[in-house]
Every structure is written in C-alpha cells, then in structure tokens.
Amino acid sequence: MFKQILTGSYIFVFLLVSSLSAHAQAPKPTSPSSSPSPQVPGTPQTKVSSEELQKFANSIKQLRVIKQGAVQQMGDVISKSGLSQERFLEIYKSQQNPPEKLKQAMTPQEKQQYEKAVTSLKSIQEKADTNMQQVLQKEGLGLERFNQIQVAVSQDPALKQKVQQMIKS
C-alpha cells in the first residue's frame, strides 16, 4: 500500500508539474511545508492580507484532498495495469529519460499495459488539475497570486506559522 502511494505520488507530481508548466509557466502549488524558494536578492517581499492568507490556507486544505485522491487513483491504476509497481516505474523513467536503459526489454504486452495505464494516469491528472484550478478560482486566487503567496509564506516564518494554524482550524 505504501509503495503504491509513493508510486502514485511520483507520477502525480511529474504530471502536475508538466501540466502546470505548460498551462501557466509557473511552478505547481505546494503546501507551505515544502522546501522554501530561494530569495532573490533585491526582490521585495509580497504583501499578503489576512483575507488572502485565509484564502490561501483554505485552498491548501482543498488541494491536499484533491492530490490525495488523485494519488490513490493513480496507484490503483498502476496496480491494475498488470505491471508491477517497480516495472511500471522503470518503464516510466526510461520513457522520460531515453538514455536510461531498461534492465529488461519491454515486451509487446508490457507496452500495451504501460500505454493504457499512462492514458488513464493522464486523465486522472487532467481532472485533478481542473479541480485544483477550480479551487483557486472559487477561493478568489489566481495561480500566479497563489504562487506569490506560497513564496511569501515559505520565506516568512511568521506567515508560515499563521497558515499552518489556519489549516489546522
């Protein structure tokens, strides 16, 4: 089960980053507990109102639920694909990084299983992406503003603590 979640998380993060980069030319939304973005010298800190901070915290709560659901669905798809978790990841990594060779050549059946699983994974990812964008829209935050707030929160321990408290409540 844990390995399934890790596999699903790995695939989800890759697909989400690819999708958001293509759609918004911006990094994916992450929780405020992820690693902080480096401060660019001379860059002013973003001002964040209490209302925006609450919207950000509400968004994070909802985005986590969407991500967890998508990761679970992706893990299920991979488990049902007919490929082992390890084999799926090996093929996936070799497809993403062509110089990386497979330990064992892909059989025609594995290729079919892999392609079917990837199609399902992309569908899950697209739905999650749409749901995440709807959350931000419903909360009144665009992707760009969400990312600005995320950077500000990651750089300011007091803001980070406020957001963590808002998420818990």
Protein backbone atom coordinates (compact mmCIF):
# COMPACT_ATOMS: atom_id res chain seq x y z
CA MET A 1 0.00 0.00 0.00
CA PHE A 2 2.75 2.47 0.96
CA LYS A 3 4.71 1.65 -2.20
CA GLN A 4 1.53 2.21 -4.23
CA ILE A 5 1.07 5.65 -2.69
CA LEU A 6 4.72 6.55 -3.32
CA THR A 7 4.45 5.43 -6.94
CA GLY A 8 1.23 7.38 -7.40
CA SER A 9 2.78 10.46 -5.76
CA TYR A 10 5.83 10.29 -8.00
CA ILE A 11 3.73 10.06 -11.16
CA PHE A 12 1.25 12.69 -9.94
CA VAL A 13 3.94 15.22 -9.15
CA PHE A 14 5.61 14.71 -12.53
CA LEU A 15 2.36 15.03 -14.47
CA LEU A 16 1.19 18.00 -12.42
CA VAL A 17 4.44 19.89 -12.87
CA SER A 18 4.38 19.17 -16.61
CA SER A 19 0.78 20.31 -16.90
CA LEU A 20 1.12 23.49 -14.88
CA SER A 21 4.34 24.42 -16.63
CA ALA A 22 2.63 24.09 -19.96
CA HIS A 23 -0.54 25.90 -18.88
CA ALA A 24 0.75 28.66 -16.64
CA GLN A 25 4.52 28.72 -16.97
CA ALA A 26 4.59 28.59 -13.16
CA PRO A 27 5.60 26.00 -10.56
CA LYS A 28 2.93 23.71 -9.14
CA PRO A 29 1.08 24.72 -5.98
CA THR A 30 2.56 23.04 -2.97
CA SER A 31 1.91 23.02 0.69
CA PRO A 32 3.64 25.67 2.77
CA SER A 33 5.65 22.95 4.47
CA SER A 34 7.61 22.18 1.30
CA SER A 35 11.12 23.45 0.82
CA PRO A 36 11.34 27.24 0.61
CA SER A 37 12.02 29.00 -2.63
CA PRO A 38 15.31 30.85 -2.64
CA GLN A 39 15.05 34.59 -2.01
CA VAL A 40 16.30 36.57 -4.95
CA PRO A 41 18.44 39.44 -3.64
CA GLY A 42 16.71 42.79 -4.12
CA THR A 43 13.28 41.18 -4.64
CA PRO A 44 10.67 42.83 -2.43
CA GLN A 45 8.57 40.54 -0.28
CA THR A 46 4.98 40.12 -1.39
CA LYS A 47 2.41 41.80 0.84
CA VAL A 48 -0.30 39.37 1.86
CA SER A 49 -3.52 40.49 3.53
CA SER A 50 -5.20 38.43 6.26
CA GLU A 51 -8.05 37.71 3.84
CA GLU A 52 -5.65 36.42 1.17
CA LEU A 53 -3.83 34.32 3.75
CA GLN A 54 -7.13 32.71 4.78
CA LYS A 55 -8.00 32.05 1.12
CA PHE A 56 -4.54 30.54 0.66
CA ALA A 57 -4.96 28.26 3.70
CA ASN A 58 -8.44 27.20 2.53
CA SER A 59 -7.01 26.44 -0.90
CA ILE A 60 -4.19 24.35 0.57
CA LYS A 61 -6.69 22.24 2.54
CA GLN A 62 -8.72 21.55 -0.59
CA LEU A 63 -5.70 21.00 -2.83
CA ARG A 64 -4.35 18.37 -0.43
CA VAL A 65 -7.62 16.44 -0.61
CA ILE A 66 -7.59 16.55 -4.41
CA LYS A 67 -3.95 15.45 -4.51
CA GLN A 68 -4.51 12.58 -2.08
CA GLY A 69 -7.47 11.33 -4.11
CA ALA A 70 -5.56 11.54 -7.37
CA VAL A 71 -2.53 9.79 -5.89
CA GLN A 72 -4.75 6.96 -4.65
CA GLN A 73 -6.45 6.64 -8.05
CA MET A 74 -3.09 6.63 -9.83
CA GLY A 75 -1.76 3.94 -7.52
CA ASP A 76 -4.86 1.85 -8.24
CA VAL A 77 -4.43 2.27 -12.00
CA ILE A 78 -0.81 1.14 -11.81
CA SER A 79 -1.71 -1.83 -9.60
CA LYS A 80 -4.42 -2.92 -12.02
CA SER A 81 -2.28 -2.38 -15.11
CA GLY A 82 -0.76 -5.86 -14.98
CA LEU A 83 2.72 -4.40 -14.38
CA SER A 84 4.44 -4.43 -11.02
CA GLN A 85 4.99 -1.06 -9.36
CA GLU A 86 8.74 -1.44 -9.90
CA ARG A 87 8.39 -2.39 -13.57
CA PHE A 88 5.98 0.45 -14.28
CA LEU A 89 8.37 2.97 -12.71
CA GLU A 90 11.33 1.50 -14.58
CA ILE A 91 9.50 1.86 -17.91
CA TYR A 92 8.17 5.30 -16.96
CA LYS A 93 11.63 6.59 -16.07
CA SER A 94 13.12 5.18 -19.28
CA GLN A 95 10.40 6.91 -21.32
CA GLN A 96 11.05 10.24 -19.58
CA ASN A 97 14.83 9.93 -19.81
CA PRO A 98 15.64 7.99 -23.02
CA PRO A 99 19.34 7.45 -22.21
CA GLU A 100 18.19 5.46 -19.16
CA LYS A 101 18.04 1.85 -20.33
CA LEU A 102 15.57 -0.78 -19.19
CA LYS A 103 17.08 -3.74 -17.34
CA GLN A 104 14.91 -5.98 -19.48
CA ALA A 105 13.41 -5.02 -22.86
CA MET A 106 9.74 -4.13 -22.85
CA THR A 107 7.52 -6.87 -24.26
CA PRO A 108 4.61 -6.00 -26.57
CA GLN A 109 2.19 -6.90 -23.76
CA GLU A 110 4.05 -4.63 -21.30
CA LYS A 111 4.00 -1.83 -23.84
CA GLN A 112 0.23 -2.17 -24.22
CA GLN A 113 -0.27 -2.31 -20.43
CA TYR A 114 2.00 0.67 -19.92
CA GLU A 115 0.32 2.80 -22.60
CA LYS A 116 -3.16 2.00 -21.26
CA ALA A 117 -2.06 2.92 -17.72
CA VAL A 118 -0.43 6.18 -18.85
CA THR A 119 -3.59 7.18 -20.70
CA SER A 120 -5.59 6.63 -17.51
CA LEU A 121 -2.99 8.47 -15.42
CA LYS A 122 -3.13 11.49 -17.71
CA SER A 123 -6.91 11.53 -17.46
CA ILE A 124 -6.73 11.46 -13.65
CA GLN A 125 -4.11 14.19 -13.69
CA GLU A 126 -6.15 16.40 -16.03
CA LYS A 127 -9.20 16.04 -13.79
CA ALA A 128 -7.13 16.86 -10.69
CA ASP A 129 -5.60 19.85 -12.48
CA THR A 130 -9.04 21.14 -13.41
CA ASN A 131 -10.29 20.61 -9.86
CA MET A 132 -7.28 22.44 -8.44
CA GLN A 133 -7.80 25.38 -10.76
CA GLN A 134 -11.47 25.47 -9.74
CA VAL A 135 -10.46 25.57 -6.07
CA LEU A 136 -8.20 28.56 -6.67
CA GLN A 137 -10.89 30.29 -8.70
CA LYS A 138 -13.55 29.60 -6.03
CA GLU A 139 -11.24 30.99 -3.35
CA GLY A 140 -10.57 34.07 -5.46
CA LEU A 141 -6.90 33.34 -6.06
CA GLY A 142 -5.36 33.00 -9.48
CA LEU A 143 -2.48 30.59 -9.97
CA GLU A 144 0.01 33.45 -10.17
CA ARG A 145 -1.22 35.05 -6.94
CA PHE A 146 -1.34 31.66 -5.21
CA ASN A 147 2.30 31.09 -6.15
CA GLN A 148 3.28 34.59 -4.98
CA ILE A 149 1.66 33.92 -1.61
CA GLN A 150 3.31 30.50 -1.41
CA VAL A 151 6.72 32.10 -1.94
CA ALA A 152 5.98 34.77 0.68
CA VAL A 153 4.83 32.11 3.16
CA SER A 154 7.90 29.98 2.54
CA GLN A 155 10.18 32.98 3.19
CA ASP A 156 8.43 34.35 6.28
CA PRO A 157 8.32 32.05 9.34
CA ALA A 158 5.53 34.13 10.96
CA LEU A 159 3.33 33.84 7.86
CA LYS A 160 4.13 30.16 7.61
CA GLN A 161 3.05 29.61 11.21
CA LYS A 162 -0.18 31.57 10.62
CA VAL A 163 -1.02 29.45 7.58
CA GLN A 164 -0.29 26.23 9.47
CA GLN A 165 -2.66 27.34 12.24
CA MET A 166 -5.34 28.28 9.71
CA ILE A 167 -5.02 24.88 8.04
CA LYS A 168 -5.40 23.08 11.37
CA SER A 169 -8.54 25.01 12.32
